[in-house]
């Protein structure tokens, strides 16, 4: 069933991502190069090295400290994180950093997949398109205990990143 914008926004809200911007596209099959996954893997590595401007969003993901540092340093992707295409390659998306965003695999990436699959066969499809490189639902972003605990955590992590880069 073709979704209107209101219906798409209602459905994404039912999946507990009511603050997730949606983009309507008209999917047309596009060929995908056989070596796309190898290029994607390298692109994800490059993407993770650009996350230094997203420290606040990463901190709200609740990652263990070493996973946080490894992610920001581009060393490895922690478990339960997904790097997704804003527009899938098969529908004309590009293998470019600007076409990527990161979110928790479960439940967010899983629910985004459900949302997209539910629209299979439609003339147009509503795709998740967060404004930032990392999507964290607003209902997760305020889970702290108040006070300056988050600021303290940022300071500690920034110091560790500076040390690991030799910027003491």
C-alpha atoms as a PDB file:
ATOM      1  CA  UNK A   1       0.000   0.000   0.000  1.00  0.00           C
ATOM      2  CA  UNK A   2       1.397   3.368  -1.049  1.00  0.00           C
ATOM      3  CA  UNK A   3       2.098   5.515   2.006  1.00  0.00           C
ATOM      4  CA  UNK A   4       1.336   9.206   2.229  1.00  0.00           C
ATOM      5  CA  UNK A   5       3.811  11.334   4.157  1.00  0.00           C
ATOM      6  CA  UNK A   6       1.471  11.349   7.162  1.00  0.00           C
ATOM      7  CA  UNK A   7       1.093   7.561   7.055  1.00  0.00           C
ATOM      8  CA  UNK A   8       4.867   7.080   6.725  1.00  0.00           C
ATOM      9  CA  UNK A   9       5.511   9.398   9.682  1.00  0.00           C
ATOM     10  CA  UNK A  10       2.878   7.567  11.736  1.00  0.00           C
ATOM     11  CA  UNK A  11       4.443   4.187  10.945  1.00  0.00           C
ATOM     12  CA  UNK A  12       7.986   5.328  11.777  1.00  0.00           C
ATOM     13  CA  UNK A  13       6.612   6.741  15.063  1.00  0.00           C
ATOM     14  CA  UNK A  14       5.076   3.330  15.837  1.00  0.00           C
ATOM     15  CA  UNK A  15       8.617   1.966  15.471  1.00  0.00           C
ATOM     16  CA  UNK A  16       9.733   4.480  18.168  1.00  0.00           C
ATOM     17  CA  UNK A  17      11.649   6.744  15.776  1.00  0.00           C
ATOM     18  CA  UNK A  18       9.196   9.623  15.469  1.00  0.00           C
ATOM     19  CA  UNK A  19      12.018  12.166  15.127  1.00  0.00           C
ATOM     20  CA  UNK A  20      13.565  10.396  12.120  1.00  0.00           C
ATOM     21  CA  UNK A  21      13.288  12.526   8.971  1.00  0.00           C
ATOM     22  CA  UNK A  22      12.031  10.654   5.925  1.00  0.00           C
ATOM     23  CA  UNK A  23      12.808  11.211   2.263  1.00  0.00           C
ATOM     24  CA  UNK A  24      10.499  10.080  -0.510  1.00  0.00           C
ATOM     25  CA  UNK A  25      12.184   8.452  -3.491  1.00  0.00           C
ATOM     26  CA  UNK A  26      10.903   6.746  -6.610  1.00  0.00           C
ATOM     27  CA  UNK A  27      13.018   3.579  -6.741  1.00  0.00           C
ATOM     28  CA  UNK A  28      14.320   2.554 -10.122  1.00  0.00           C
ATOM     29  CA  UNK A  29      16.650  -0.449 -10.379  1.00  0.00           C
ATOM     30  CA  UNK A  30      20.300   0.517 -10.858  1.00  0.00           C
ATOM     31  CA  UNK A  31      23.162  -1.862 -11.583  1.00  0.00           C
ATOM     32  CA  UNK A  32      25.591  -2.435  -8.731  1.00  0.00           C
ATOM     33  CA  UNK A  33      29.268  -3.158  -9.408  1.00  0.00           C
ATOM     34  CA  UNK A  34      30.387  -6.660  -8.427  1.00  0.00           C
ATOM     35  CA  UNK A  35      33.079  -5.207  -6.130  1.00  0.00           C
ATOM     36  CA  UNK A  36      30.649  -2.937  -4.261  1.00  0.00           C
ATOM     37  CA  UNK A  37      31.130  -4.649  -0.900  1.00  0.00           C
ATOM     38  CA  UNK A  38      34.904  -4.242  -0.948  1.00  0.00           C
ATOM     39  CA  UNK A  39      34.462  -0.546  -1.783  1.00  0.00           C
ATOM     40  CA  UNK A  40      31.762  -0.241   0.905  1.00  0.00           C
ATOM     41  CA  UNK A  41      34.101  -1.734   3.507  1.00  0.00           C
ATOM     42  CA  UNK A  42      36.769   0.869   2.689  1.00  0.00           C
ATOM     43  CA  UNK A  43      34.151   3.627   2.643  1.00  0.00           C
ATOM     44  CA  UNK A  44      32.940   2.621   6.119  1.00  0.00           C
ATOM     45  CA  UNK A  45      36.519   2.867   7.392  1.00  0.00           C
ATOM     46  CA  UNK A  46      36.782   6.353   5.889  1.00  0.00           C
ATOM     47  CA  UNK A  47      33.376   7.263   7.328  1.00  0.00           C
ATOM     48  CA  UNK A  48      34.433   6.318  10.855  1.00  0.00           C
ATOM     49  CA  UNK A  49      37.453   8.623  10.619  1.00  0.00           C
ATOM     50  CA  UNK A  50      35.065  11.555  10.018  1.00  0.00           C
ATOM     51  CA  UNK A  51      33.160  10.980  13.275  1.00  0.00           C
ATOM     52  CA  UNK A  52      35.253  13.339  15.410  1.00  0.00           C
ATOM     53  CA  UNK A  53      32.563  15.979  14.795  1.00  0.00           C
ATOM     54  CA  UNK A  54      29.954  13.580  16.200  1.00  0.00           C
ATOM     55  CA  UNK A  55      31.440  12.926  19.656  1.00  0.00           C
ATOM     56  CA  UNK A  56      28.266  13.985  21.466  1.00  0.00           C
ATOM     57  CA  UNK A  57      26.043  11.630  19.466  1.00  0.00           C
ATOM     58  CA  UNK A  58      28.484   8.746  19.913  1.00  0.00           C
ATOM     59  CA  UNK A  59      28.606   9.361  23.666  1.00  0.00           C
ATOM     60  CA  UNK A  60      24.821   8.962  23.848  1.00  0.00           C
ATOM     61  CA  UNK A  61      25.097   5.512  22.262  1.00  0.00           C
ATOM     62  CA  UNK A  62      26.316   4.179  25.605  1.00  0.00           C
ATOM     63  CA  UNK A  63      29.332   2.377  24.171  1.00  0.00           C
ATOM     64  CA  UNK A  64      32.021   1.050  26.480  1.00  0.00           C
ATOM     65  CA  UNK A  65      34.930   3.474  26.599  1.00  0.00           C
ATOM     66  CA  UNK A  66      37.328   1.335  24.512  1.00  0.00           C
ATOM     67  CA  UNK A  67      34.657   0.799  21.831  1.00  0.00           C
ATOM     68  CA  UNK A  68      34.057   4.559  21.760  1.00  0.00           C
ATOM     69  CA  UNK A  69      37.756   5.279  21.263  1.00  0.00           C
ATOM     70  CA  UNK A  70      38.185   2.510  18.676  1.00  0.00           C
ATOM     71  CA  UNK A  71      35.221   3.851  16.711  1.00  0.00           C
ATOM     72  CA  UNK A  72      36.374   7.481  16.713  1.00  0.00           C
ATOM     73  CA  UNK A  73      39.924   6.428  15.831  1.00  0.00           C
ATOM     74  CA  UNK A  74      38.619   4.349  12.899  1.00  0.00           C
ATOM     75  CA  UNK A  75      40.120   1.143  14.323  1.00  0.00           C
ATOM     76  CA  UNK A  76      37.031  -1.053  14.380  1.00  0.00           C
ATOM     77  CA  UNK A  77      33.267  -0.987  14.374  1.00  0.00           C
ATOM     78  CA  UNK A  78      31.755  -1.948  17.753  1.00  0.00           C
ATOM     79  CA  UNK A  79      29.055  -4.613  17.936  1.00  0.00           C
ATOM     80  CA  UNK A  80      25.442  -3.538  17.434  1.00  0.00           C
ATOM     81  CA  UNK A  81      26.319  -0.592  15.183  1.00  0.00           C
ATOM     82  CA  UNK A  82      25.332  -0.405  11.532  1.00  0.00           C
ATOM     83  CA  UNK A  83      26.467   1.927   8.795  1.00  0.00           C
ATOM     84  CA  UNK A  84      23.529   2.314   6.419  1.00  0.00           C
ATOM     85  CA  UNK A  85      22.990   3.838   3.024  1.00  0.00           C
ATOM     86  CA  UNK A  86      20.614   6.787   2.935  1.00  0.00           C
ATOM     87  CA  UNK A  87      19.659   5.695  -0.592  1.00  0.00           C
ATOM     88  CA  UNK A  88      20.476   2.042  -1.369  1.00  0.00           C
ATOM     89  CA  UNK A  89      22.853   1.386  -4.244  1.00  0.00           C
ATOM     90  CA  UNK A  90      20.207  -0.667  -6.066  1.00  0.00           C
ATOM     91  CA  UNK A  91      18.016   2.458  -6.184  1.00  0.00           C
ATOM     92  CA  UNK A  92      20.715   4.837  -7.395  1.00  0.00           C
ATOM     93  CA  UNK A  93      22.521   5.638  -4.145  1.00  0.00           C
ATOM     94  CA  UNK A  94      26.214   6.418  -4.418  1.00  0.00           C
ATOM     95  CA  UNK A  95      29.217   4.825  -2.712  1.00  0.00           C
ATOM     96  CA  UNK A  96      30.008   8.122  -0.981  1.00  0.00           C
ATOM     97  CA  UNK A  97      30.389   9.178   2.641  1.00  0.00           C
ATOM     98  CA  UNK A  98      27.476  11.607   2.286  1.00  0.00           C
ATOM     99  CA  UNK A  99      25.208   8.638   1.501  1.00  0.00           C
ATOM    100  CA  UNK A 100      26.006   6.920   4.822  1.00  0.00           C
ATOM    101  CA  UNK A 101      24.778   7.196   8.384  1.00  0.00           C
ATOM    102  CA  UNK A 102      25.280   5.140  11.531  1.00  0.00           C
ATOM    103  CA  UNK A 103      22.769   3.822  14.024  1.00  0.00           C
ATOM    104  CA  UNK A 104      22.296   1.006  16.486  1.00  0.00           C
ATOM    105  CA  UNK A 105      21.673  -2.265  14.655  1.00  0.00           C
ATOM    106  CA  UNK A 106      19.026  -3.361  17.119  1.00  0.00           C
ATOM    107  CA  UNK A 107      16.459  -2.026  17.318  1.00  0.00           C
ATOM    108  CA  UNK A 108      16.917   0.968  14.995  1.00  0.00           C
ATOM    109  CA  UNK A 109      18.504  -0.488  11.844  1.00  0.00           C
ATOM    110  CA  UNK A 110      16.287  -3.554  12.202  1.00  0.00           C
ATOM    111  CA  UNK A 111      13.168  -1.353  12.413  1.00  0.00           C
ATOM    112  CA  UNK A 112      14.315   0.783   9.475  1.00  0.00           C
ATOM    113  CA  UNK A 113      14.586  -2.382   7.411  1.00  0.00           C
ATOM    114  CA  UNK A 114      11.064  -3.417   8.474  1.00  0.00           C
ATOM    115  CA  UNK A 115       9.774   0.028   7.531  1.00  0.00           C
ATOM    116  CA  UNK A 116      11.363  -0.135   4.065  1.00  0.00           C
ATOM    117  CA  UNK A 117      10.371  -3.760   3.390  1.00  0.00           C
ATOM    118  CA  UNK A 118       6.750  -2.956   4.288  1.00  0.00           C
ATOM    119  CA  UNK A 119       6.755  -0.544   1.340  1.00  0.00           C
ATOM    120  CA  UNK A 120       7.960  -3.158  -1.190  1.00  0.00           C
ATOM    121  CA  UNK A 121       6.358  -2.795  -4.599  1.00  0.00           C
ATOM    122  CA  UNK A 122       5.222   0.794  -4.067  1.00  0.00           C
ATOM    123  CA  UNK A 123       5.744   3.455  -6.713  1.00  0.00           C
ATOM    124  CA  UNK A 124       7.499   5.611  -4.117  1.00  0.00           C
ATOM    125  CA  UNK A 125       9.280   4.643  -0.925  1.00  0.00           C
ATOM    126  CA  UNK A 126       9.959   6.665   2.206  1.00  0.00           C
ATOM    127  CA  UNK A 127      13.554   6.221   3.375  1.00  0.00           C
ATOM    128  CA  UNK A 128      15.110   7.180   6.714  1.00  0.00           C
ATOM    129  CA  UNK A 129      17.343  10.213   6.208  1.00  0.00           C
ATOM    130  CA  UNK A 130      18.712  11.551   9.507  1.00  0.00           C
ATOM    131  CA  UNK A 131      20.127  15.074   9.515  1.00  0.00           C
ATOM    132  CA  UNK A 132      23.400  13.968  11.114  1.00  0.00           C
ATOM    133  CA  UNK A 133      25.934  11.208  10.526  1.00  0.00           C
ATOM    134  CA  UNK A 134      24.622   9.301  13.526  1.00  0.00           C
ATOM    135  CA  UNK A 135      20.990   8.638  14.284  1.00  0.00           C
ATOM    136  CA  UNK A 136      19.996   8.483  17.924  1.00  0.00           C
ATOM    137  CA  UNK A 137      16.272   8.790  18.670  1.00  0.00           C
ATOM    138  CA  UNK A 138      15.400  11.738  20.886  1.00  0.00           C
ATOM    139  CA  UNK A 139      13.926   9.347  23.439  1.00  0.00           C
ATOM    140  CA  UNK A 140      17.431   7.855  23.934  1.00  0.00           C
ATOM    141  CA  UNK A 141      19.354  11.120  24.017  1.00  0.00           C
ATOM    142  CA  UNK A 142      18.057  12.231  27.394  1.00  0.00           C
ATOM    143  CA  UNK A 143      18.789   9.068  29.339  1.00  0.00           C
ATOM    144  CA  UNK A 144      21.536  10.632  31.449  1.00  0.00           C
ATOM    145  CA  UNK A 145      21.284  11.338  35.124  1.00  0.00           C
ATOM    146  CA  UNK A 146      21.599  15.098  34.766  1.00  0.00           C
ATOM    147  CA  UNK A 147      24.402  17.112  36.296  1.00  0.00           C
ATOM    148  CA  UNK A 148      27.754  17.232  34.564  1.00  0.00           C
ATOM    149  CA  UNK A 149      28.370  13.483  34.166  1.00  0.00           C
ATOM    150  CA  UNK A 150      28.165  13.692  30.382  1.00  0.00           C
ATOM    151  CA  UNK A 151      30.491  16.690  30.277  1.00  0.00           C
ATOM    152  CA  UNK A 152      32.970  14.812  32.483  1.00  0.00           C
ATOM    153  CA  UNK A 153      32.795  11.788  30.186  1.00  0.00           C
ATOM    154  CA  UNK A 154      33.433  13.962  27.132  1.00  0.00           C
ATOM    155  CA  UNK A 155      36.443  15.547  28.847  1.00  0.00           C
ATOM    156  CA  UNK A 156      37.929  12.165  29.763  1.00  0.00           C
ATOM    157  CA  UNK A 157      37.394  10.764  26.284  1.00  0.00           C
ATOM    158  CA  UNK A 158      38.763  13.869  24.580  1.00  0.00           C
ATOM    159  CA  UNK A 159      41.883  13.616  26.739  1.00  0.00           C
ATOM    160  CA  UNK A 160      42.341   9.961  25.795  1.00  0.00           C
ATOM    161  CA  UNK A 161      41.890  10.693  22.102  1.00  0.00           C
ATOM    162  CA  UNK A 162      44.411  13.538  22.318  1.00  0.00           C
ATOM    163  CA  UNK A 163      46.890  11.261  24.083  1.00  0.00           C
ATOM    164  CA  UNK A 164      46.475   8.513  21.499  1.00  0.00           C
ATOM    165  CA  UNK A 165      47.085  11.055  18.713  1.00  0.00           C
ATOM    166  CA  UNK A 166      50.171  12.436  20.489  1.00  0.00           C
ATOM    167  CA  UNK A 167      48.527  15.830  21.054  1.00  0.00           C
ATOM    168  CA  UNK A 168      49.239  16.123  24.775  1.00  0.00           C
END
